[in-house]
PDB file of N, CA and C in Angstrom:
ATOM      1  N   MET A   1     -11.591 -22.193 -85.273  1.00  0.00           N
ATOM      2  CA  MET A   1     -11.498 -21.348 -86.460  1.00  0.00           C
ATOM      3  C   MET A   1     -11.921 -19.917 -86.080  1.00  0.00           C
ATOM      4  N   ARG A   2     -11.089 -18.971 -86.381  1.00  0.00           N
ATOM      5  CA  ARG A   2     -11.355 -17.578 -85.987  1.00  0.00           C
ATOM      6  C   ARG A   2     -12.215 -16.896 -86.999  1.00  0.00           C
ATOM      7  N   ALA A   3     -13.280 -16.250 -86.507  1.00  0.00           N
ATOM      8  CA  ALA A   3     -14.254 -15.620 -87.388  1.00  0.00           C
ATOM      9  C   ALA A   3     -13.590 -14.575 -88.352  1.00  0.00           C
ATOM     10  N   GLY A   4     -12.503 -13.914 -87.825  1.00  0.00           N
ATOM     11  CA  GLY A   4     -11.864 -12.850 -88.635  1.00  0.00           C
ATOM     12  C   GLY A   4     -11.241 -13.367 -89.939  1.00  0.00           C
ATOM     13  N   ARG A   5     -10.929 -14.690 -89.996  1.00  0.00           N
ATOM     14  CA  ARG A   5     -10.396 -15.286 -91.186  1.00  0.00           C
ATOM     15  C   ARG A   5     -11.452 -15.593 -92.257  1.00  0.00           C
ATOM     16  N   LEU A   6     -12.711 -15.607 -91.862  1.00  0.00           N
ATOM     17  CA  LEU A   6     -13.804 -15.892 -92.783  1.00  0.00           C
ATOM     18  C   LEU A   6     -14.171 -14.624 -93.512  1.00  0.00           C
ATOM     19  N   ASP A   7     -13.318 -14.243 -94.479  1.00  0.00           N
ATOM     20  CA  ASP A   7     -13.554 -12.989 -95.124  1.00  0.00           C
ATOM     21  C   ASP A   7     -14.215 -13.025 -96.488  1.00  0.00           C
ATOM     22  N   GLN A   8     -14.603 -14.253 -96.949  1.00  0.00           N
ATOM     23  CA  GLN A   8     -15.254 -14.382 -98.187  1.00  0.00           C
ATOM     24  C   GLN A   8     -16.684 -14.877 -97.979  1.00  0.00           C
ATOM     25  N   THR A   9     -17.621 -14.516 -98.853  1.00  0.00           N
ATOM     26  CA  THR A   9     -18.928 -15.054 -98.779  1.00  0.00           C
ATOM     27  C   THR A   9     -19.171 -15.972-100.005  1.00  0.00           C
ATOM     28  N   ILE A  10     -19.487 -17.168 -99.754  1.00  0.00           N
ATOM     29  CA  ILE A  10     -19.732 -18.150-100.828  1.00  0.00           C
ATOM     30  C   ILE A  10     -21.195 -18.625-100.804  1.00  0.00           C
ATOM     31  N   THR A  11     -21.590 -19.114-101.957  1.00  0.00           N
ATOM     32  CA  THR A  11     -22.966 -19.688-102.018  1.00  0.00           C
ATOM     33  C   THR A  11     -22.845 -21.082-102.552  1.00  0.00           C
ATOM     34  N   VAL A  12     -23.467 -21.990-101.910  1.00  0.00           N
ATOM     35  CA  VAL A  12     -23.565 -23.434-102.356  1.00  0.00           C
ATOM     36  C   VAL A  12     -24.758 -23.544-103.166  1.00  0.00           C
ATOM     37  N   GLU A  13     -24.651 -23.990-104.413  1.00  0.00           N
ATOM     38  CA  GLU A  13     -25.772 -24.150-105.348  1.00  0.00           C
ATOM     39  C   GLU A  13     -25.906 -25.655-105.717  1.00  0.00           C
ATOM     40  N   ARG A  14     -27.161 -26.077-105.932  1.00  0.00           N
ATOM     41  CA  ARG A  14     -27.448 -27.452-106.275  1.00  0.00           C
ATOM     42  C   ARG A  14     -28.202 -27.412-107.635  1.00  0.00           C
ATOM     43  N   ARG A  15     -27.845 -28.364-108.452  1.00  0.00           N
ATOM     44  CA  ARG A  15     -28.558 -28.518-109.798  1.00  0.00           C
ATOM     45  C   ARG A  15     -29.902 -29.060-109.588  1.00  0.00           C
ATOM     46  N   VAL A  16     -30.883 -28.391-110.232  1.00  0.00           N
ATOM     47  CA  VAL A  16     -32.239 -28.884-110.265  1.00  0.00           C
ATOM     48  C   VAL A  16     -32.790 -28.939-111.660  1.00  0.00           C
ATOM     49  N   GLU A  17     -33.715 -29.752-111.894  1.00  0.00           N
ATOM     50  CA  GLU A  17     -34.381 -29.798-113.247  1.00  0.00           C
ATOM     51  C   GLU A  17     -35.793 -29.309-113.070  1.00  0.00           C
ATOM     52  N   THR A  18     -36.195 -28.327-113.850  1.00  0.00           N
ATOM     53  CA  THR A  18     -37.560 -27.859-113.957  1.00  0.00           C
ATOM     54  C   THR A  18     -38.084 -27.962-115.306  1.00  0.00           C
ATOM     55  N   LEU A  19     -39.349 -27.691-115.486  1.00  0.00           N
ATOM     56  CA  LEU A  19     -39.960 -27.802-116.879  1.00  0.00           C
ATOM     57  C   LEU A  19     -40.230 -26.310-117.321  1.00  0.00           C
ATOM     58  N   ASP A  20     -39.901 -26.044-118.590  1.00  0.00           N
ATOM     59  CA  ASP A  20     -40.312 -24.784-119.114  1.00  0.00           C
ATOM     60  C   ASP A  20     -41.737 -24.779-119.552  1.00  0.00           C
ATOM     61  N   ASP A  21     -42.203 -23.670-120.203  1.00  0.00           N
ATOM     62  CA  ASP A  21     -43.566 -23.555-120.595  1.00  0.00           C
ATOM     63  C   ASP A  21     -43.973 -24.655-121.628  1.00  0.00           C
ATOM     64  N   ALA A  22     -43.003 -25.167-122.393  1.00  0.00           N
ATOM     65  CA  ALA A  22     -43.311 -26.209-123.365  1.00  0.00           C
ATOM     66  C   ALA A  22     -43.225 -27.620-122.773  1.00  0.00           C
ATOM     67  N   GLY A  23     -42.823 -27.715-121.514  1.00  0.00           N
ATOM     68  CA  GLY A  23     -42.746 -29.003-120.858  1.00  0.00           C
ATOM     69  C   GLY A  23     -41.363 -29.682-121.091  1.00  0.00           C
ATOM     70  N   THR A  24     -40.438 -28.935-121.559  1.00  0.00           N
ATOM     71  CA  THR A  24     -39.052 -29.429-121.803  1.00  0.00           C
ATOM     72  C   THR A  24     -38.270 -29.269-120.478  1.00  0.00           C
ATOM     73  N   PRO A  25     -37.562 -30.327-120.097  1.00  0.00           N
ATOM     74  CA  PRO A  25     -36.663 -30.281-118.878  1.00  0.00           C
ATOM     75  C   PRO A  25     -35.574 -29.157-119.076  1.00  0.00           C
ATOM     76  N   VAL A  26     -35.410 -28.296-118.089  1.00  0.00           N
ATOM     77  CA  VAL A  26     -34.431 -27.311-118.112  1.00  0.00           C
ATOM     78  C   VAL A  26     -33.592 -27.442-116.872  1.00  0.00           C
ATOM     79  N   GLU A  27     -32.305 -27.389-117.061  1.00  0.00           N
ATOM     80  CA  GLU A  27     -31.383 -27.512-115.871  1.00  0.00           C
ATOM     81  C   GLU A  27     -31.086 -26.093-115.358  1.00  0.00           C
ATOM     82  N   ALA A  28     -31.186 -25.986-114.024  1.00  0.00           N
ATOM     83  CA  ALA A  28     -30.880 -24.639-113.363  1.00  0.00           C
ATOM     84  C   ALA A  28     -30.136 -24.974-112.021  1.00  0.00           C
ATOM     85  N   TRP A  29     -29.613 -23.871-111.466  1.00  0.00           N
ATOM     86  CA  TRP A  29     -28.872 -23.975-110.215  1.00  0.00           C
ATOM     87  C   TRP A  29     -29.683 -23.260-109.163  1.00  0.00           C
ATOM     88  N   HIS A  30     -29.895 -23.901-108.102  1.00  0.00           N
ATOM     89  CA  HIS A  30     -30.660 -23.331-106.954  1.00  0.00           C
ATOM     90  C   HIS A  30     -29.782 -23.135-105.737  1.00  0.00           C
ATOM     91  N   PRO A  31     -29.764 -21.960-105.095  1.00  0.00           N
ATOM     92  CA  PRO A  31     -28.892 -21.763-103.910  1.00  0.00           C
ATOM     93  C   PRO A  31     -29.471 -22.542-102.709  1.00  0.00           C
ATOM     94  N   VAL A  32     -28.637 -23.304-102.026  1.00  0.00           N
ATOM     95  CA  VAL A  32     -29.046 -24.039-100.902  1.00  0.00           C
ATOM     96  C   VAL A  32     -28.439 -23.560 -99.566  1.00  0.00           C
ATOM     97  N   ALA A  33     -27.293 -22.816 -99.660  1.00  0.00           N
ATOM     98  CA  ALA A  33     -26.680 -22.281 -98.441  1.00  0.00           C
ATOM     99  C   ALA A  33     -25.737 -21.117 -98.819  1.00  0.00           C
ATOM    100  N   THR A  34     -25.617 -20.209 -97.892  1.00  0.00           N
ATOM    101  CA  THR A  34     -24.651 -19.123 -97.934  1.00  0.00           C
ATOM    102  C   THR A  34     -23.772 -19.191 -96.764  1.00  0.00           C
ATOM    103  N   ALA A  35     -22.490 -19.055 -96.905  1.00  0.00           N
ATOM    104  CA  ALA A  35     -21.620 -19.266 -95.751  1.00  0.00           C
ATOM    105  C   ALA A  35     -20.394 -18.308 -95.909  1.00  0.00           C
ATOM    106  N   ARG A  36     -19.791 -17.989 -94.782  1.00  0.00           N
ATOM    107  CA  ARG A  36     -18.527 -17.247 -94.759  1.00  0.00           C
ATOM    108  C   ARG A  36     -17.401 -18.269 -94.868  1.00  0.00           C
ATOM    109  N   ALA A  37     -16.380 -17.926 -95.640  1.00  0.00           N
ATOM    110  CA  ALA A  37     -15.315 -18.866 -95.918  1.00  0.00           C
ATOM    111  C   ALA A  37     -13.935 -18.164 -95.873  1.00  0.00           C
ATOM    112  N   ASP A  38     -12.940 -18.990 -95.600  1.00  0.00           N
ATOM    113  CA  ASP A  38     -11.542 -18.550 -95.710  1.00  0.00           C
ATOM    114  C   ASP A  38     -10.972 -19.219 -96.970  1.00  0.00           C
ATOM    115  N   LEU A  39     -10.483 -18.396 -97.891  1.00  0.00           N
ATOM    116  CA  LEU A  39      -9.841 -18.922 -99.092  1.00  0.00           C
ATOM    117  C   LEU A  39      -8.423 -19.301 -98.738  1.00  0.00           C
ATOM    118  N   ILE A  40      -8.190 -20.587 -98.542  1.00  0.00           N
ATOM    119  CA  ILE A  40      -6.852 -21.030 -98.019  1.00  0.00           C
ATOM    120  C   ILE A  40      -5.896 -21.457 -99.120  1.00  0.00           C
ATOM    121  N   GLN A  41      -6.409 -21.718-100.272  1.00  0.00           N
ATOM    122  CA  GLN A  41      -5.527 -22.111-101.399  1.00  0.00           C
ATOM    123  C   GLN A  41      -6.140 -21.592-102.746  1.00  0.00           C
ATOM    124  N   ASN A  42      -5.360 -20.957-103.592  1.00  0.00           N
ATOM    125  CA  ASN A  42      -5.962 -20.546-104.919  1.00  0.00           C
ATOM    126  C   ASN A  42      -4.702 -20.614-105.899  1.00  0.00           C
ATOM    127  N   THR A  43      -4.637 -21.681-106.679  1.00  0.00           N
ATOM    128  CA  THR A  43      -3.635 -21.867-107.645  1.00  0.00           C
ATOM    129  C   THR A  43      -4.164 -22.075-109.040  1.00  0.00           C
ATOM    130  N   THR A  44      -3.381 -21.803-110.033  1.00  0.00           N
ATOM    131  CA  THR A  44      -3.735 -22.024-111.367  1.00  0.00           C
ATOM    132  C   THR A  44      -2.733 -22.975-112.039  1.00  0.00           C
ATOM    133  N   GLU A  45      -3.256 -23.944-112.792  1.00  0.00           N
ATOM    134  CA  GLU A  45      -2.406 -24.876-113.414  1.00  0.00           C
ATOM    135  C   GLU A  45      -2.771 -24.870-114.914  1.00  0.00           C
ATOM    136  N   ALA A  46      -1.697 -24.851-115.756  1.00  0.00           N
ATOM    137  CA  ALA A  46      -1.941 -24.918-117.174  1.00  0.00           C
ATOM    138  C   ALA A  46      -1.530 -26.341-117.636  1.00  0.00           C
ATOM    139  N   PHE A  47      -2.369 -26.937-118.470  1.00  0.00           N
ATOM    140  CA  PHE A  47      -2.006 -28.263-119.022  1.00  0.00           C
ATOM    141  C   PHE A  47      -2.650 -28.450-120.308  1.00  0.00           C
ATOM    142  N   LEU A  48      -2.180 -29.492-121.050  1.00  0.00           N
ATOM    143  CA  LEU A  48      -2.703 -29.762-122.406  1.00  0.00           C
ATOM    144  C   LEU A  48      -3.936 -30.669-122.329  1.00  0.00           C
ATOM    145  N   ARG A  49      -4.913 -30.297-123.143  1.00  0.00           N
ATOM    146  CA  ARG A  49      -6.068 -31.174-123.307  1.00  0.00           C
ATOM    147  C   ARG A  49      -6.239 -31.317-124.819  1.00  0.00           C
ATOM    148  N   GLU A  50      -7.249 -32.023-125.226  1.00  0.00           N
ATOM    149  CA  GLU A  50      -7.535 -32.327-126.605  1.00  0.00           C
ATOM    150  C   GLU A  50      -7.445 -31.068-127.553  1.00  0.00           C
ATOM    151  N   PRO A  51      -8.307 -30.028-127.280  1.00  0.00           N
ATOM    152  CA  PRO A  51      -8.290 -28.890-128.236  1.00  0.00           C
ATOM    153  C   PRO A  51      -7.074 -27.943-128.062  1.00  0.00           C
ATOM    154  N   GLY A  52      -6.276 -28.078-127.013  1.00  0.00           N
ATOM    155  CA  GLY A  52      -5.161 -27.195-126.797  1.00  0.00           C
ATOM    156  C   GLY A  52      -4.953 -26.989-125.292  1.00  0.00           C
ATOM    157  N   GLN A  53      -4.237 -25.940-125.018  1.00  0.00           N
ATOM    158  CA  GLN A  53      -3.851 -25.706-123.633  1.00  0.00           C
ATOM    159  C   GLN A  53      -4.966 -24.949-122.926  1.00  0.00           C
ATOM    160  N   THR A  54      -5.234 -25.372-121.706  1.00  0.00           N
ATOM    161  CA  THR A  54      -6.251 -24.639-120.860  1.00  0.00           C
ATOM    162  C   THR A  54      -5.631 -24.486-119.466  1.00  0.00           C
ATOM    163  N   ALA A  55      -6.270 -23.578-118.765  1.00  0.00           N
ATOM    164  CA  ALA A  55      -5.884 -23.337-117.426  1.00  0.00           C
ATOM    165  C   ALA A  55      -7.003 -23.691-116.475  1.00  0.00           C
ATOM    166  N   GLU A  56      -6.639 -24.336-115.362  1.00  0.00           N
ATOM    167  CA  GLU A  56      -7.631 -24.756-114.336  1.00  0.00           C
ATOM    168  C   GLU A  56      -7.264 -24.134-113.008  1.00  0.00           C
ATOM    169  N   ALA A  57      -8.217 -23.544-112.362  1.00  0.00           N
ATOM    170  CA  ALA A  57      -7.927 -22.975-111.049  1.00  0.00           C
ATOM    171  C   ALA A  57      -8.304 -24.017-109.983  1.00  0.00           C
ATOM    172  N   ARG A  58      -7.494 -24.186-109.017  1.00  0.00           N
ATOM    173  CA  ARG A  58      -7.746 -25.049-107.867  1.00  0.00           C
ATOM    174  C   ARG A  58      -7.920 -24.147-106.672  1.00  0.00           C
ATOM    175  N   VAL A  59      -9.054 -24.313-106.043  1.00  0.00           N
ATOM    176  CA  VAL A  59      -9.428 -23.454-104.933  1.00  0.00           C
ATOM    177  C   VAL A  59      -9.849 -24.317-103.719  1.00  0.00           C
ATOM    178  N   VAL A  60      -9.388 -23.916-102.524  1.00  0.00           N
ATOM    179  CA  VAL A  60      -9.848 -24.638-101.307  1.00  0.00           C
ATOM    180  C   VAL A  60     -10.455 -23.544-100.368  1.00  0.00           C
ATOM    181  N   PHE A  61     -11.677 -23.765-100.029  1.00  0.00           N
ATOM    182  CA  PHE A  61     -12.339 -22.902 -99.105  1.00  0.00           C
ATOM    183  C   PHE A  61     -12.492 -23.625 -97.739  1.00  0.00           C
ATOM    184  N   ARG A  62     -12.200 -23.009 -96.650  1.00  0.00           N
ATOM    185  CA  ARG A  62     -12.411 -23.515 -95.333  1.00  0.00           C
ATOM    186  C   ARG A  62     -13.665 -22.794 -94.746  1.00  0.00           C
ATOM    187  N   VAL A  63     -14.666 -23.624 -94.271  1.00  0.00           N
ATOM    188  CA  VAL A  63     -15.878 -23.131 -93.795  1.00  0.00           C
ATOM    189  C   VAL A  63     -16.320 -23.844 -92.559  1.00  0.00           C
ATOM    190  N   ARG A  64     -17.193 -23.256 -91.835  1.00  0.00           N
ATOM    191  CA  ARG A  64     -17.797 -23.921 -90.682  1.00  0.00           C
ATOM    192  C   ARG A  64     -18.691 -25.053 -91.291  1.00  0.00           C
ATOM    193  N   PHE A  65     -18.979 -26.098 -90.470  1.00  0.00           N
ATOM    194  CA  PHE A  65     -19.648 -27.287 -91.007  1.00  0.00           C
ATOM    195  C   PHE A  65     -20.960 -26.956 -91.619  1.00  0.00           C
ATOM    196  N   LEU A  66     -21.157 -27.559 -92.836  1.00  0.00           N
ATOM    197  CA  LEU A  66     -22.414 -27.427 -93.548  1.00  0.00           C
ATOM    198  C   LEU A  66     -22.917 -28.836 -93.790  1.00  0.00           C
ATOM    199  N   PRO A  67     -24.120 -29.229 -93.325  1.00  0.00           N
ATOM    200  CA  PRO A  67     -24.558 -30.559 -93.498  1.00  0.00           C
ATOM    201  C   PRO A  67     -25.093 -30.812 -94.932  1.00  0.00           C
ATOM    202  N   ASP A  68     -25.102 -32.029 -95.367  1.00  0.00           N
ATOM    203  CA  ASP A  68     -25.753 -32.460 -96.638  1.00  0.00           C
ATOM    204  C   ASP A  68     -25.112 -31.873 -97.882  1.00  0.00           C
ATOM    205  N   LEU A  69     -23.778 -31.633 -97.862  1.00  0.00           N
ATOM    206  CA  LEU A  69     -23.186 -31.210 -99.151  1.00  0.00           C
ATOM    207  C   LEU A  69     -23.010 -32.412-100.054  1.00  0.00           C
ATOM    208  N   GLU A  70     -23.134 -32.188-101.338  1.00  0.00           N
ATOM    209  CA  GLU A  70     -22.960 -33.285-102.325  1.00  0.00           C
ATOM    210  C   GLU A  70     -21.887 -32.865-103.341  1.00  0.00           C
ATOM    211  N   LEU A  71     -21.225 -33.799-103.897  1.00  0.00           N
ATOM    212  CA  LEU A  71     -20.211 -33.502-104.847  1.00  0.00           C
ATOM    213  C   LEU A  71     -20.771 -32.983-106.169  1.00  0.00           C
ATOM    214  N   THR A  72     -22.080 -33.047-106.365  1.00  0.00           N
ATOM    215  CA  THR A  72     -22.652 -32.516-107.551  1.00  0.00           C
ATOM    216  C   THR A  72     -23.022 -31.031-107.358  1.00  0.00           C
ATOM    217  N   ASP A  73     -22.886 -30.533-106.092  1.00  0.00           N
ATOM    218  CA  ASP A  73     -23.123 -29.141-105.826  1.00  0.00           C
ATOM    219  C   ASP A  73     -21.914 -28.258-106.392  1.00  0.00           C
ATOM    220  N   ARG A  74     -22.152 -26.969-106.425  1.00  0.00           N
ATOM    221  CA  ARG A  74     -21.054 -26.119-106.851  1.00  0.00           C
ATOM    222  C   ARG A  74     -20.954 -24.935-105.901  1.00  0.00           C
ATOM    223  N   ILE A  75     -19.800 -24.297-105.798  1.00  0.00           N
ATOM    224  CA  ILE A  75     -19.595 -23.185-104.964  1.00  0.00           C
ATOM    225  C   ILE A  75     -19.379 -21.940-105.833  1.00  0.00           C
ATOM    226  N   VAL A  76     -20.065 -20.842-105.473  1.00  0.00           N
ATOM    227  CA  VAL A  76     -20.010 -19.609-106.283  1.00  0.00           C
ATOM    228  C   VAL A  76     -19.342 -18.562-105.375  1.00  0.00           C
ATOM    229  N   LEU A  77     -18.266 -17.944-105.839  1.00  0.00           N
ATOM    230  CA  LEU A  77     -17.585 -16.850-105.230  1.00  0.00           C
ATOM    231  C   LEU A  77     -17.481 -15.752-106.224  1.00  0.00           C
ATOM    232  N   ASP A  78     -18.055 -14.506-105.849  1.00  0.00           N
ATOM    233  CA  ASP A  78     -17.951 -13.350-106.759  1.00  0.00           C
ATOM    234  C   ASP A  78     -18.492 -13.630-108.137  1.00  0.00           C
ATOM    235  N   GLY A  79     -19.573 -14.437-108.234  1.00  0.00           N
ATOM    236  CA  GLY A  79     -20.204 -14.739-109.537  1.00  0.00           C
ATOM    237  C   GLY A  79     -19.468 -15.828-110.345  1.00  0.00           C
ATOM    238  N   VAL A  80     -18.409 -16.386-109.848  1.00  0.00           N
ATOM    239  CA  VAL A  80     -17.630 -17.440-110.547  1.00  0.00           C
ATOM    240  C   VAL A  80     -18.024 -18.781-109.949  1.00  0.00           C
ATOM    241  N   PRO A  81     -18.556 -19.698-110.754  1.00  0.00           N
ATOM    242  CA  PRO A  81     -18.879 -21.018-110.213  1.00  0.00           C
ATOM    243  C   PRO A  81     -17.630 -21.962-110.086  1.00  0.00           C
ATOM    244  N   HIS A  82     -17.476 -22.654-109.081  1.00  0.00           N
ATOM    245  CA  HIS A  82     -16.410 -23.632-108.881  1.00  0.00           C
ATOM    246  C   HIS A  82     -16.988 -25.026-108.674  1.00  0.00           C
ATOM    247  N   ARG A  83     -16.519 -26.032-109.382  1.00  0.00           N
ATOM    248  CA  ARG A  83     -17.007 -27.399-109.295  1.00  0.00           C
ATOM    249  C   ARG A  83     -16.433 -28.042-108.020  1.00  0.00           C
ATOM    250  N   LEU A  84     -17.292 -28.579-107.205  1.00  0.00           N
ATOM    251  CA  LEU A  84     -16.895 -29.171-105.948  1.00  0.00           C
ATOM    252  C   LEU A  84     -16.293 -30.584-106.301  1.00  0.00           C
ATOM    253  N   VAL A  85     -15.051 -30.723-105.847  1.00  0.00           N
ATOM    254  CA  VAL A  85     -14.278 -31.935-106.088  1.00  0.00           C
ATOM    255  C   VAL A  85     -14.167 -32.823-104.848  1.00  0.00           C
ATOM    256  N   GLU A  86     -14.024 -32.200-103.699  1.00  0.00           N
ATOM    257  CA  GLU A  86     -13.889 -32.997-102.376  1.00  0.00           C
ATOM    258  C   GLU A  86     -14.355 -32.177-101.271  1.00  0.00           C
ATOM    259  N   VAL A  87     -14.979 -32.865-100.360  1.00  0.00           N
ATOM    260  CA  VAL A  87     -15.431 -32.224 -99.015  1.00  0.00           C
ATOM    261  C   VAL A  87     -14.654 -33.038 -98.009  1.00  0.00           C
ATOM    262  N   LYS A  88     -13.769 -32.343 -97.260  1.00  0.00           N
ATOM    263  CA  LYS A  88     -12.946 -32.935 -96.239  1.00  0.00           C
ATOM    264  C   LYS A  88     -13.256 -32.330 -94.869  1.00  0.00           C
ATOM    265  N   GLU A  89     -13.527 -33.189 -93.908  1.00  0.00           N
ATOM    266  CA  GLU A  89     -13.710 -32.646 -92.511  1.00  0.00           C
ATOM    267  C   GLU A  89     -12.332 -32.454 -91.871  1.00  0.00           C
ATOM    268  N   VAL A  90     -12.121 -31.193 -91.474  1.00  0.00           N
ATOM    269  CA  VAL A  90     -10.870 -30.874 -90.794  1.00  0.00           C
ATOM    270  C   VAL A  90     -11.018 -31.082 -89.303  1.00  0.00           C
ATOM    271  N   VAL A  91     -12.116 -30.555 -88.728  1.00  0.00           N
ATOM    272  CA  VAL A  91     -12.439 -30.816 -87.342  1.00  0.00           C
ATOM    273  C   VAL A  91     -13.811 -31.414 -87.452  1.00  0.00           C
ATOM    274  N   ARG A  92     -14.004 -32.559 -86.785  1.00  0.00           N
ATOM    275  CA  ARG A  92     -15.293 -33.307 -86.854  1.00  0.00           C
ATOM    276  C   ARG A  92     -16.455 -32.494 -86.593  1.00  0.00           C
ATOM    277  N   ARG A  93     -17.317 -32.397 -87.581  1.00  0.00           N
ATOM    278  CA  ARG A  93     -18.616 -31.677 -87.557  1.00  0.00           C
ATOM    279  C   ARG A  93     -18.491 -30.255 -87.117  1.00  0.00           C
ATOM    280  N   ARG A  94     -17.264 -29.640 -87.384  1.00  0.00           N
ATOM    281  CA  ARG A  94     -17.066 -28.236 -87.042  1.00  0.00           C
ATOM    282  C   ARG A  94     -16.508 -27.452 -88.219  1.00  0.00           C
ATOM    283  N   VAL A  95     -15.550 -27.984 -88.925  1.00  0.00           N
ATOM    284  CA  VAL A  95     -14.802 -27.266 -89.966  1.00  0.00           C
ATOM    285  C   VAL A  95     -14.657 -28.191 -91.157  1.00  0.00           C
ATOM    286  N   LEU A  96     -14.936 -27.669 -92.377  1.00  0.00           N
ATOM    287  CA  LEU A  96     -14.825 -28.355 -93.637  1.00  0.00           C
ATOM    288  C   LEU A  96     -13.820 -27.675 -94.605  1.00  0.00           C
ATOM    289  N   ASP A  97     -13.111 -28.401 -95.285  1.00  0.00           N
ATOM    290  CA  ASP A  97     -12.339 -27.911 -96.455  1.00  0.00           C
ATOM    291  C   ASP A  97     -13.109 -28.292 -97.745  1.00  0.00           C
ATOM    292  N   LEU A  98     -13.468 -27.386 -98.551  1.00  0.00           N
ATOM    293  CA  LEU A  98     -14.133 -27.608 -99.799  1.00  0.00           C
ATOM    294  C   LEU A  98     -13.133 -27.387-100.921  1.00  0.00           C
ATOM    295  N   ARG A  99     -12.756 -28.486-101.539  1.00  0.00           N
ATOM    296  CA  ARG A  99     -11.728 -28.413-102.654  1.00  0.00           C
ATOM    297  C   ARG A  99     -12.523 -28.345-103.916  1.00  0.00           C
ATOM    298  N   CYS A 100     -12.195 -27.321-104.736  1.00  0.00           N
ATOM    299  CA  CYS A 100     -12.932 -27.026-105.933  1.00  0.00           C
ATOM    300  C   CYS A 100     -12.001 -26.812-107.120  1.00  0.00           C
ATOM    301  N   SER A 101     -12.549 -26.917-108.354  1.00  0.00           N
ATOM    302  CA  SER A 101     -11.789 -26.644-109.498  1.00  0.00           C
ATOM    303  C   SER A 101     -12.660 -25.820-110.512  1.00  0.00           C
ATOM    304  N   THR A 102     -11.968 -24.980-111.373  1.00  0.00           N
ATOM    305  CA  THR A 102     -12.693 -24.194-112.341  1.00  0.00           C
ATOM    306  C   THR A 102     -11.826 -24.117-113.542  1.00  0.00           C
ATOM    307  N   VAL A 103     -12.384 -24.411-114.740  1.00  0.00           N
ATOM    308  CA  VAL A 103     -11.692 -24.202-115.936  1.00  0.00           C
ATOM    309  C   VAL A 103     -11.811 -22.779-116.364  1.00  0.00           C
ATOM    310  N   LEU A 104     -10.699 -22.157-116.546  1.00  0.00           N
ATOM    311  CA  LEU A 104     -10.693 -20.714-116.951  1.00  0.00           C
ATOM    312  C   LEU A 104     -10.679 -20.528-118.426  1.00  0.00           C
TER     313      LEU A 104
END
């Protein structure tokens, strides 16, 4: 993988539960990694759902290997969170494709 293609900076965030001042559980996102990525696919699909038509963006990021990724993590690019759908090894323990979706 050429470093020149890694022109995007993404943040991997993990959901954590903390307690607020009243002792109520509060869900928050905590950054676990920052990486350089290549945006190799960015498509938008429109389809019908219960309340009406929505658009969903499908995004694939190619990154150098990141250990311990979970499908409950999310990827943030330019302040927009993307739900991690699949982690696929392209080159064993060297390159990953992170397949994500976002409802627009």
